[in-house]
PDB file of N, CA and C in Angstrom:
ATOM      1  N   UNK A   1      -4.663  44.739  56.589  1.00  0.00           N
ATOM      2  CA  UNK A   1      -4.018  45.643  56.226  1.00  0.00           C
ATOM      3  C   UNK A   1      -3.538  45.265  54.702  1.00  0.00           C
ATOM      4  N   UNK A   2      -3.055  46.688  54.295  1.00  0.00           N
ATOM      5  CA  UNK A   2      -2.779  46.167  52.971  1.00  0.00           C
ATOM      6  C   UNK A   2      -1.042  46.335  52.665  1.00  0.00           C
ATOM      7  N   UNK A   3      -0.798  45.255  51.540  1.00  0.00           N
ATOM      8  CA  UNK A   3       0.319  44.671  51.401  1.00  0.00           C
ATOM      9  C   UNK A   3       0.830  45.421  50.415  1.00  0.00           C
ATOM     10  N   UNK A   4       1.619  47.355  50.597  1.00  0.00           N
ATOM     11  CA  UNK A   4       2.195  48.083  50.094  1.00  0.00           C
ATOM     12  C   UNK A   4       3.672  47.367  49.114  1.00  0.00           C
ATOM     13  N   UNK A   5       4.328  46.176  48.855  1.00  0.00           N
ATOM     14  CA  UNK A   5       4.406  45.430  48.103  1.00  0.00           C
ATOM     15  C   UNK A   5       4.059  44.920  46.756  1.00  0.00           C
ATOM     16  N   UNK A   6       2.897  44.762  46.985  1.00  0.00           N
ATOM     17  CA  UNK A   6       1.770  44.663  45.914  1.00  0.00           C
ATOM     18  C   UNK A   6       1.652  45.607  45.227  1.00  0.00           C
ATOM     19  N   UNK A   7       1.977  46.490  45.381  1.00  0.00           N
ATOM     20  CA  UNK A   7       1.443  47.798  44.756  1.00  0.00           C
ATOM     21  C   UNK A   7       3.207  48.192  44.607  1.00  0.00           C
ATOM     22  N   UNK A   8       3.443  47.656  44.205  1.00  0.00           N
ATOM     23  CA  UNK A   8       5.211  48.282  43.621  1.00  0.00           C
ATOM     24  C   UNK A   8       5.775  49.348  44.710  1.00  0.00           C
ATOM     25  N   UNK A   9       4.907  49.742  45.766  1.00  0.00           N
ATOM     26  CA  UNK A   9       5.863  50.741  46.442  1.00  0.00           C
ATOM     27  C   UNK A   9       7.312  50.440  48.010  1.00  0.00           C
ATOM     28  N   UNK A  10       7.924  49.689  47.627  1.00  0.00           N
ATOM     29  CA  UNK A  10       8.774  48.638  48.462  1.00  0.00           C
ATOM     30  C   UNK A  10       9.751  50.001  48.491  1.00  0.00           C
ATOM     31  N   UNK A  11      10.983  49.179  49.227  1.00  0.00           N
ATOM     32  CA  UNK A  11      12.205  49.958  48.821  1.00  0.00           C
ATOM     33  C   UNK A  11      12.916  50.180  47.841  1.00  0.00           C
ATOM     34  N   UNK A  12      14.070  50.607  47.604  1.00  0.00           N
ATOM     35  CA  UNK A  12      14.782  51.340  46.165  1.00  0.00           C
ATOM     36  C   UNK A  12      14.994  50.115  45.474  1.00  0.00           C
ATOM     37  N   UNK A  13      15.330  48.800  45.691  1.00  0.00           N
ATOM     38  CA  UNK A  13      15.917  47.841  45.228  1.00  0.00           C
ATOM     39  C   UNK A  13      14.344  47.235  44.737  1.00  0.00           C
ATOM     40  N   UNK A  14      13.236  46.996  45.047  1.00  0.00           N
ATOM     41  CA  UNK A  14      12.729  46.949  44.152  1.00  0.00           C
ATOM     42  C   UNK A  14      12.428  47.305  43.039  1.00  0.00           C
ATOM     43  N   UNK A  15      12.129  48.478  42.228  1.00  0.00           N
ATOM     44  CA  UNK A  15      12.341  49.089  41.473  1.00  0.00           C
ATOM     45  C   UNK A  15      13.490  48.619  40.651  1.00  0.00           C
ATOM     46  N   UNK A  16      14.885  48.446  40.959  1.00  0.00           N
ATOM     47  CA  UNK A  16      15.229  48.074  39.838  1.00  0.00           C
ATOM     48  C   UNK A  16      14.976  46.195  39.874  1.00  0.00           C
ATOM     49  N   UNK A  17      14.131  45.920  40.602  1.00  0.00           N
ATOM     50  CA  UNK A  17      13.685  44.528  39.669  1.00  0.00           C
ATOM     51  C   UNK A  17      12.926  44.299  39.368  1.00  0.00           C
ATOM     52  N   UNK A  18      12.121  45.537  38.763  1.00  0.00           N
ATOM     53  CA  UNK A  18      11.384  45.597  37.965  1.00  0.00           C
ATOM     54  C   UNK A  18      11.873  45.611  36.609  1.00  0.00           C
ATOM     55  N   UNK A  19      12.959  45.762  36.223  1.00  0.00           N
ATOM     56  CA  UNK A  19      13.790  45.356  35.154  1.00  0.00           C
ATOM     57  C   UNK A  19      13.823  44.572  34.514  1.00  0.00           C
ATOM     58  N   UNK A  20      13.746  44.025  33.022  1.00  0.00           N
ATOM     59  CA  UNK A  20      13.840  42.576  32.719  1.00  0.00           C
ATOM     60  C   UNK A  20      14.877  42.935  31.728  1.00  0.00           C
ATOM     61  N   UNK A  21      14.892  41.696  30.866  1.00  0.00           N
ATOM     62  CA  UNK A  21      15.703  42.043  29.427  1.00  0.00           C
ATOM     63  C   UNK A  21      14.855  41.418  28.385  1.00  0.00           C
ATOM     64  N   UNK A  22      15.290  41.976  27.015  1.00  0.00           N
ATOM     65  CA  UNK A  22      14.246  41.292  26.250  1.00  0.00           C
ATOM     66  C   UNK A  22      15.089  41.314  25.141  1.00  0.00           C
ATOM     67  N   UNK A  23      15.093  40.684  24.167  1.00  0.00           N
ATOM     68  CA  UNK A  23      15.481  40.389  22.517  1.00  0.00           C
ATOM     69  C   UNK A  23      14.919  41.288  21.539  1.00  0.00           C
ATOM     70  N   UNK A  24      15.819  42.254  20.977  1.00  0.00           N
ATOM     71  CA  UNK A  24      15.383  43.281  19.885  1.00  0.00           C
ATOM     72  C   UNK A  24      16.138  42.760  18.689  1.00  0.00           C
ATOM     73  N   UNK A  25      15.936  42.593  17.905  1.00  0.00           N
ATOM     74  CA  UNK A  25      16.689  42.082  16.348  1.00  0.00           C
ATOM     75  C   UNK A  25      18.018  41.905  17.287  1.00  0.00           C
ATOM     76  N   UNK A  26      17.696  40.680  17.907  1.00  0.00           N
ATOM     77  CA  UNK A  26      19.061  39.759  18.215  1.00  0.00           C
ATOM     78  C   UNK A  26      19.671  40.675  19.488  1.00  0.00           C
ATOM     79  N   UNK A  27      19.672  41.738  20.118  1.00  0.00           N
ATOM     80  CA  UNK A  27      20.417  42.797  21.074  1.00  0.00           C
ATOM     81  C   UNK A  27      19.815  42.646  22.069  1.00  0.00           C
ATOM     82  N   UNK A  28      20.582  42.563  23.249  1.00  0.00           N
ATOM     83  CA  UNK A  28      19.820  42.592  24.565  1.00  0.00           C
ATOM     84  C   UNK A  28      19.861  44.007  25.125  1.00  0.00           C
ATOM     85  N   UNK A  29      18.218  44.284  25.657  1.00  0.00           N
ATOM     86  CA  UNK A  29      17.725  45.711  26.169  1.00  0.00           C
ATOM     87  C   UNK A  29      16.722  44.843  27.112  1.00  0.00           C
ATOM     88  N   UNK A  30      17.396  46.289  28.202  1.00  0.00           N
ATOM     89  CA  UNK A  30      16.314  46.907  29.691  1.00  0.00           C
ATOM     90  C   UNK A  30      15.023  46.866  29.807  1.00  0.00           C
ATOM     91  N   UNK A  31      14.019  46.525  29.975  1.00  0.00           N
ATOM     92  CA  UNK A  31      12.716  47.308  30.237  1.00  0.00           C
ATOM     93  C   UNK A  31      12.209  46.881  31.172  1.00  0.00           C
ATOM     94  N   UNK A  32      11.125  47.880  31.761  1.00  0.00           N
ATOM     95  CA  UNK A  32      10.708  47.296  32.871  1.00  0.00           C
ATOM     96  C   UNK A  32       9.306  46.382  32.741  1.00  0.00           C
ATOM     97  N   UNK A  33       9.216  45.556  33.414  1.00  0.00           N
ATOM     98  CA  UNK A  33       8.186  44.043  33.559  1.00  0.00           C
ATOM     99  C   UNK A  33       6.744  44.536  33.456  1.00  0.00           C
ATOM    100  N   UNK A  34       5.978  43.962  32.736  1.00  0.00           N
ATOM    101  CA  UNK A  34       4.242  44.308  32.705  1.00  0.00           C
ATOM    102  C   UNK A  34       3.781  44.934  31.737  1.00  0.00           C
ATOM    103  N   UNK A  35       3.462  45.532  31.799  1.00  0.00           N
ATOM    104  CA  UNK A  35       2.032  45.738  30.197  1.00  0.00           C
ATOM    105  C   UNK A  35       3.078  46.673  29.702  1.00  0.00           C
ATOM    106  N   UNK A  36       3.499  46.693  28.463  1.00  0.00           N
ATOM    107  CA  UNK A  36       4.304  47.646  28.071  1.00  0.00           C
ATOM    108  C   UNK A  36       3.395  48.344  26.512  1.00  0.00           C
ATOM    109  N   UNK A  37       3.198  49.075  26.621  1.00  0.00           N
ATOM    110  CA  UNK A  37       2.990  49.390  24.774  1.00  0.00           C
ATOM    111  C   UNK A  37       3.635  49.570  23.506  1.00  0.00           C
ATOM    112  N   UNK A  38       3.613  48.590  22.117  1.00  0.00           N
ATOM    113  CA  UNK A  38       4.317  48.696  21.515  1.00  0.00           C
ATOM    114  C   UNK A  38       5.200  49.704  21.445  1.00  0.00           C
ATOM    115  N   UNK A  39       4.898  51.005  21.227  1.00  0.00           N
ATOM    116  CA  UNK A  39       5.782  52.388  21.822  1.00  0.00           C
ATOM    117  C   UNK A  39       6.396  52.078  22.570  1.00  0.00           C
ATOM    118  N   UNK A  40       6.993  51.797  23.516  1.00  0.00           N
ATOM    119  CA  UNK A  40       7.532  51.709  24.438  1.00  0.00           C
ATOM    120  C   UNK A  40       8.500  50.527  23.976  1.00  0.00           C
ATOM    121  N   UNK A  41       8.219  49.512  23.458  1.00  0.00           N
ATOM    122  CA  UNK A  41       9.227  48.687  23.190  1.00  0.00           C
ATOM    123  C   UNK A  41      10.184  48.957  21.869  1.00  0.00           C
ATOM    124  N   UNK A  42       9.627  49.490  20.947  1.00  0.00           N
ATOM    125  CA  UNK A  42      10.194  50.131  20.106  1.00  0.00           C
ATOM    126  C   UNK A  42      11.103  51.160  20.769  1.00  0.00           C
ATOM    127  N   UNK A  43      11.569  52.220  21.415  1.00  0.00           N
ATOM    128  CA  UNK A  43      11.849  52.925  22.182  1.00  0.00           C
ATOM    129  C   UNK A  43      13.120  52.247  22.925  1.00  0.00           C
ATOM    130  N   UNK A  44      12.722  50.690  23.344  1.00  0.00           N
ATOM    131  CA  UNK A  44      13.624  50.068  24.632  1.00  0.00           C
ATOM    132  C   UNK A  44      14.669  49.267  23.636  1.00  0.00           C
ATOM    133  N   UNK A  45      14.097  49.671  22.750  1.00  0.00           N
ATOM    134  CA  UNK A  45      15.562  48.517  22.072  1.00  0.00           C
ATOM    135  C   UNK A  45      15.351  49.126  20.589  1.00  0.00           C
ATOM    136  N   UNK A  46      15.353  50.977  20.564  1.00  0.00           N
ATOM    137  CA  UNK A  46      16.047  51.627  19.636  1.00  0.00           C
ATOM    138  C   UNK A  46      15.615  50.995  17.947  1.00  0.00           C
ATOM    139  N   UNK A  47      14.081  51.037  18.033  1.00  0.00           N
ATOM    140  CA  UNK A  47      13.740  50.484  16.790  1.00  0.00           C
ATOM    141  C   UNK A  47      13.149  51.793  16.496  1.00  0.00           C
ATOM    142  N   UNK A  48      12.937  52.076  15.115  1.00  0.00           N
ATOM    143  CA  UNK A  48      12.243  53.744  14.665  1.00  0.00           C
ATOM    144  C   UNK A  48      10.894  53.415  15.230  1.00  0.00           C
ATOM    145  N   UNK A  49      10.590  54.444  14.932  1.00  0.00           N
ATOM    146  CA  UNK A  49       8.656  54.272  15.429  1.00  0.00           C
ATOM    147  C   UNK A  49       8.003  54.237  14.389  1.00  0.00           C
ATOM    148  N   UNK A  50       8.304  54.888  12.758  1.00  0.00           N
ATOM    149  CA  UNK A  50       8.035  54.043  11.999  1.00  0.00           C
ATOM    150  C   UNK A  50       8.047  52.788  11.374  1.00  0.00           C
ATOM    151  N   UNK A  51       9.387  51.883  12.424  1.00  0.00           N
ATOM    152  CA  UNK A  51       9.344  50.453  11.450  1.00  0.00           C
ATOM    153  C   UNK A  51       7.898  49.734  12.108  1.00  0.00           C
ATOM    154  N   UNK A  52       8.116  48.541  11.422  1.00  0.00           N
ATOM    155  CA  UNK A  52       6.414  47.528  12.000  1.00  0.00           C
ATOM    156  C   UNK A  52       7.911  46.479  12.992  1.00  0.00           C
ATOM    157  N   UNK A  53       6.878  46.258  14.266  1.00  0.00           N
ATOM    158  CA  UNK A  53       7.899  45.280  15.137  1.00  0.00           C
ATOM    159  C   UNK A  53       6.442  43.988  15.242  1.00  0.00           C
ATOM    160  N   UNK A  54       7.416  42.987  15.852  1.00  0.00           N
ATOM    161  CA  UNK A  54       6.507  41.476  15.142  1.00  0.00           C
ATOM    162  C   UNK A  54       7.679  40.680  16.520  1.00  0.00           C
ATOM    163  N   UNK A  55       6.148  39.970  17.586  1.00  0.00           N
ATOM    164  CA  UNK A  55       7.125  39.307  18.934  1.00  0.00           C
ATOM    165  C   UNK A  55       7.279  37.851  17.784  1.00  0.00           C
ATOM    166  N   UNK A  56       8.744  37.417  18.283  1.00  0.00           N
ATOM    167  CA  UNK A  56       8.696  36.050  18.028  1.00  0.00           C
ATOM    168  C   UNK A  56       8.359  34.889  19.281  1.00  0.00           C
ATOM    169  N   UNK A  57       7.569  34.252  19.066  1.00  0.00           N
ATOM    170  CA  UNK A  57       6.386  33.413  20.088  1.00  0.00           C
ATOM    171  C   UNK A  57       6.353  31.454  19.561  1.00  0.00           C
ATOM    172  N   UNK A  58       7.124  31.216  19.850  1.00  0.00           N
ATOM    173  CA  UNK A  58       7.826  29.338  19.753  1.00  0.00           C
ATOM    174  C   UNK A  58       8.200  29.312  18.413  1.00  0.00           C
ATOM    175  N   UNK A  59       8.652  30.603  17.609  1.00  0.00           N
ATOM    176  CA  UNK A  59       9.687  30.254  15.979  1.00  0.00           C
ATOM    177  C   UNK A  59       8.954  31.373  15.085  1.00  0.00           C
ATOM    178  N   UNK A  60       7.783  31.606  15.268  1.00  0.00           N
ATOM    179  CA  UNK A  60       6.948  31.867  14.117  1.00  0.00           C
ATOM    180  C   UNK A  60       6.807  33.696  15.049  1.00  0.00           C
ATOM    181  N   UNK A  61       6.467  34.416  13.834  1.00  0.00           N
ATOM    182  CA  UNK A  61       6.704  36.265  14.180  1.00  0.00           C
ATOM    183  C   UNK A  61       5.431  36.382  13.727  1.00  0.00           C
ATOM    184  N   UNK A  62       5.332  36.776  15.262  1.00  0.00           N
ATOM    185  CA  UNK A  62       3.532  37.323  15.470  1.00  0.00           C
ATOM    186  C   UNK A  62       3.389  38.805  15.318  1.00  0.00           C
ATOM    187  N   UNK A  63       2.884  39.805  14.072  1.00  0.00           N
ATOM    188  CA  UNK A  63       2.680  40.973  13.678  1.00  0.00           C
ATOM    189  C   UNK A  63       2.273  42.117  15.125  1.00  0.00           C
ATOM    190  N   UNK A  64       2.228  42.981  15.394  1.00  0.00           N
ATOM    191  CA  UNK A  64       1.851  43.782  16.804  1.00  0.00           C
ATOM    192  C   UNK A  64       1.877  45.157  15.833  1.00  0.00           C
ATOM    193  N   UNK A  65       0.276  45.014  16.794  1.00  0.00           N
ATOM    194  CA  UNK A  65      -0.508  46.341  16.772  1.00  0.00           C
ATOM    195  C   UNK A  65       0.226  47.688  16.456  1.00  0.00           C
ATOM    196  N   UNK A  66       0.643  49.195  16.092  1.00  0.00           N
ATOM    197  CA  UNK A  66       1.591  50.336  16.806  1.00  0.00           C
ATOM    198  C   UNK A  66       0.711  50.143  18.295  1.00  0.00           C
ATOM    199  N   UNK A  67      -0.642  50.355  18.206  1.00  0.00           N
ATOM    200  CA  UNK A  67      -1.761  51.128  18.904  1.00  0.00           C
ATOM    201  C   UNK A  67      -1.199  49.884  20.169  1.00  0.00           C
ATOM    202  N   UNK A  68      -1.106  48.767  20.202  1.00  0.00           N
ATOM    203  CA  UNK A  68      -1.093  47.504  20.957  1.00  0.00           C
ATOM    204  C   UNK A  68      -0.235  47.586  22.234  1.00  0.00           C
ATOM    205  N   UNK A  69      -0.268  46.256  23.274  1.00  0.00           N
ATOM    206  CA  UNK A  69       0.785  46.139  23.739  1.00  0.00           C
ATOM    207  C   UNK A  69       0.782  44.910  24.587  1.00  0.00           C
ATOM    208  N   UNK A  70       2.039  44.673  25.193  1.00  0.00           N
ATOM    209  CA  UNK A  70       2.640  43.510  25.012  1.00  0.00           C
ATOM    210  C   UNK A  70       2.861  43.268  26.642  1.00  0.00           C
ATOM    211  N   UNK A  71       2.746  41.701  27.649  1.00  0.00           N
ATOM    212  CA  UNK A  71       2.854  41.608  28.462  1.00  0.00           C
ATOM    213  C   UNK A  71       4.247  41.180  28.739  1.00  0.00           C
ATOM    214  N   UNK A  72       5.350  41.657  29.492  1.00  0.00           N
ATOM    215  CA  UNK A  72       6.431  42.133  29.433  1.00  0.00           C
ATOM    216  C   UNK A  72       7.102  41.177  30.332  1.00  0.00           C
ATOM    217  N   UNK A  73       7.485  39.693  30.853  1.00  0.00           N
ATOM    218  CA  UNK A  73       7.992  39.536  31.904  1.00  0.00           C
ATOM    219  C   UNK A  73       9.423  38.953  32.120  1.00  0.00           C
ATOM    220  N   UNK A  74      10.554  39.030  30.523  1.00  0.00           N
ATOM    221  CA  UNK A  74      11.819  38.638  30.033  1.00  0.00           C
ATOM    222  C   UNK A  74      11.601  37.738  29.691  1.00  0.00           C
ATOM    223  N   UNK A  75      13.233  38.276  28.496  1.00  0.00           N
ATOM    224  CA  UNK A  75      13.144  37.122  27.430  1.00  0.00           C
ATOM    225  C   UNK A  75      12.346  36.968  26.681  1.00  0.00           C
ATOM    226  N   UNK A  76      11.227  37.729  26.112  1.00  0.00           N
ATOM    227  CA  UNK A  76      10.794  37.776  25.317  1.00  0.00           C
ATOM    228  C   UNK A  76      11.397  38.618  23.807  1.00  0.00           C
ATOM    229  N   UNK A  77      11.240  38.185  22.989  1.00  0.00           N
ATOM    230  CA  UNK A  77      12.225  38.550  21.502  1.00  0.00           C
ATOM    231  C   UNK A  77      11.252  38.903  20.378  1.00  0.00           C
ATOM    232  N   UNK A  78      11.599  40.022  19.759  1.00  0.00           N
ATOM    233  CA  UNK A  78      10.972  40.859  18.658  1.00  0.00           C
ATOM    234  C   UNK A  78      12.023  41.286  17.928  1.00  0.00           C
ATOM    235  N   UNK A  79      11.084  41.348  16.682  1.00  0.00           N
ATOM    236  CA  UNK A  79      11.922  41.464  15.590  1.00  0.00           C
ATOM    237  C   UNK A  79      11.423  42.823  14.583  1.00  0.00           C
ATOM    238  N   UNK A  80      12.281  43.824  13.951  1.00  0.00           N
ATOM    239  CA  UNK A  80      11.809  44.621  13.868  1.00  0.00           C
ATOM    240  C   UNK A  80      12.029  44.539  12.434  1.00  0.00           C
ATOM    241  N   UNK A  81      11.130  45.561  11.154  1.00  0.00           N
ATOM    242  CA  UNK A  81      11.490  45.848  10.077  1.00  0.00           C
ATOM    243  C   UNK A  81      10.538  47.110   9.418  1.00  0.00           C
ATOM    244  N   UNK A  82      11.207  47.459   8.091  1.00  0.00           N
ATOM    245  CA  UNK A  82      10.532  48.915   7.657  1.00  0.00           C
ATOM    246  C   UNK A  82       9.062  48.057   7.391  1.00  0.00           C
ATOM    247  N   UNK A  83       8.315  49.064   7.015  1.00  0.00           N
ATOM    248  CA  UNK A  83       6.948  49.067   6.393  1.00  0.00           C
ATOM    249  C   UNK A  83       6.876  48.575   5.272  1.00  0.00           C
ATOM    250  N   UNK A  84       6.529  47.794   4.729  1.00  0.00           N
ATOM    251  CA  UNK A  84       6.430  47.376   3.154  1.00  0.00           C
ATOM    252  C   UNK A  84       4.553  47.716   2.569  1.00  0.00           C
ATOM    253  N   UNK A  85       5.152  47.808   1.571  1.00  0.00           N
ATOM    254  CA  UNK A  85       3.816  48.296   0.843  1.00  0.00           C
ATOM    255  C   UNK A  85       3.543  49.798   0.515  1.00  0.00           C
ATOM    256  N   UNK A  86       2.537  50.156   0.085  1.00  0.00           N
ATOM    257  CA  UNK A  86       2.367  51.226  -0.181  1.00  0.00           C
ATOM    258  C   UNK A  86       2.207  51.814  -1.013  1.00  0.00           C
ATOM    259  N   UNK A  87       1.638  53.311  -1.567  1.00  0.00           N
ATOM    260  CA  UNK A  87       1.838  53.685  -3.073  1.00  0.00           C
ATOM    261  C   UNK A  87       2.858  54.022  -3.368  1.00  0.00           C
ATOM    262  N   UNK A  88       2.575  53.423  -4.707  1.00  0.00           N
ATOM    263  CA  UNK A  88       3.921  54.450  -5.585  1.00  0.00           C
ATOM    264  C   UNK A  88       3.581  55.287  -6.536  1.00  0.00           C
TER     265      UNK A  88
END
């Protein structure tokens, strides 16, 4: 028999437990755990979609592709900045 909890179809408290905290630009935000697109992370962290997002991993900034995704477990940290370069 299949365990429905493995598919996230448990009681209403399970839905609340799927939220974790991440840090974006030194502020804490809540987001669903699991694989999230960079666009979803930007939206959750109130980052303009045109800005670039980087993940802080072991104190090092790792650029994220706007079309990419990140597995969110809770506690991840991100920094955003306006895109640099371009035609003048």
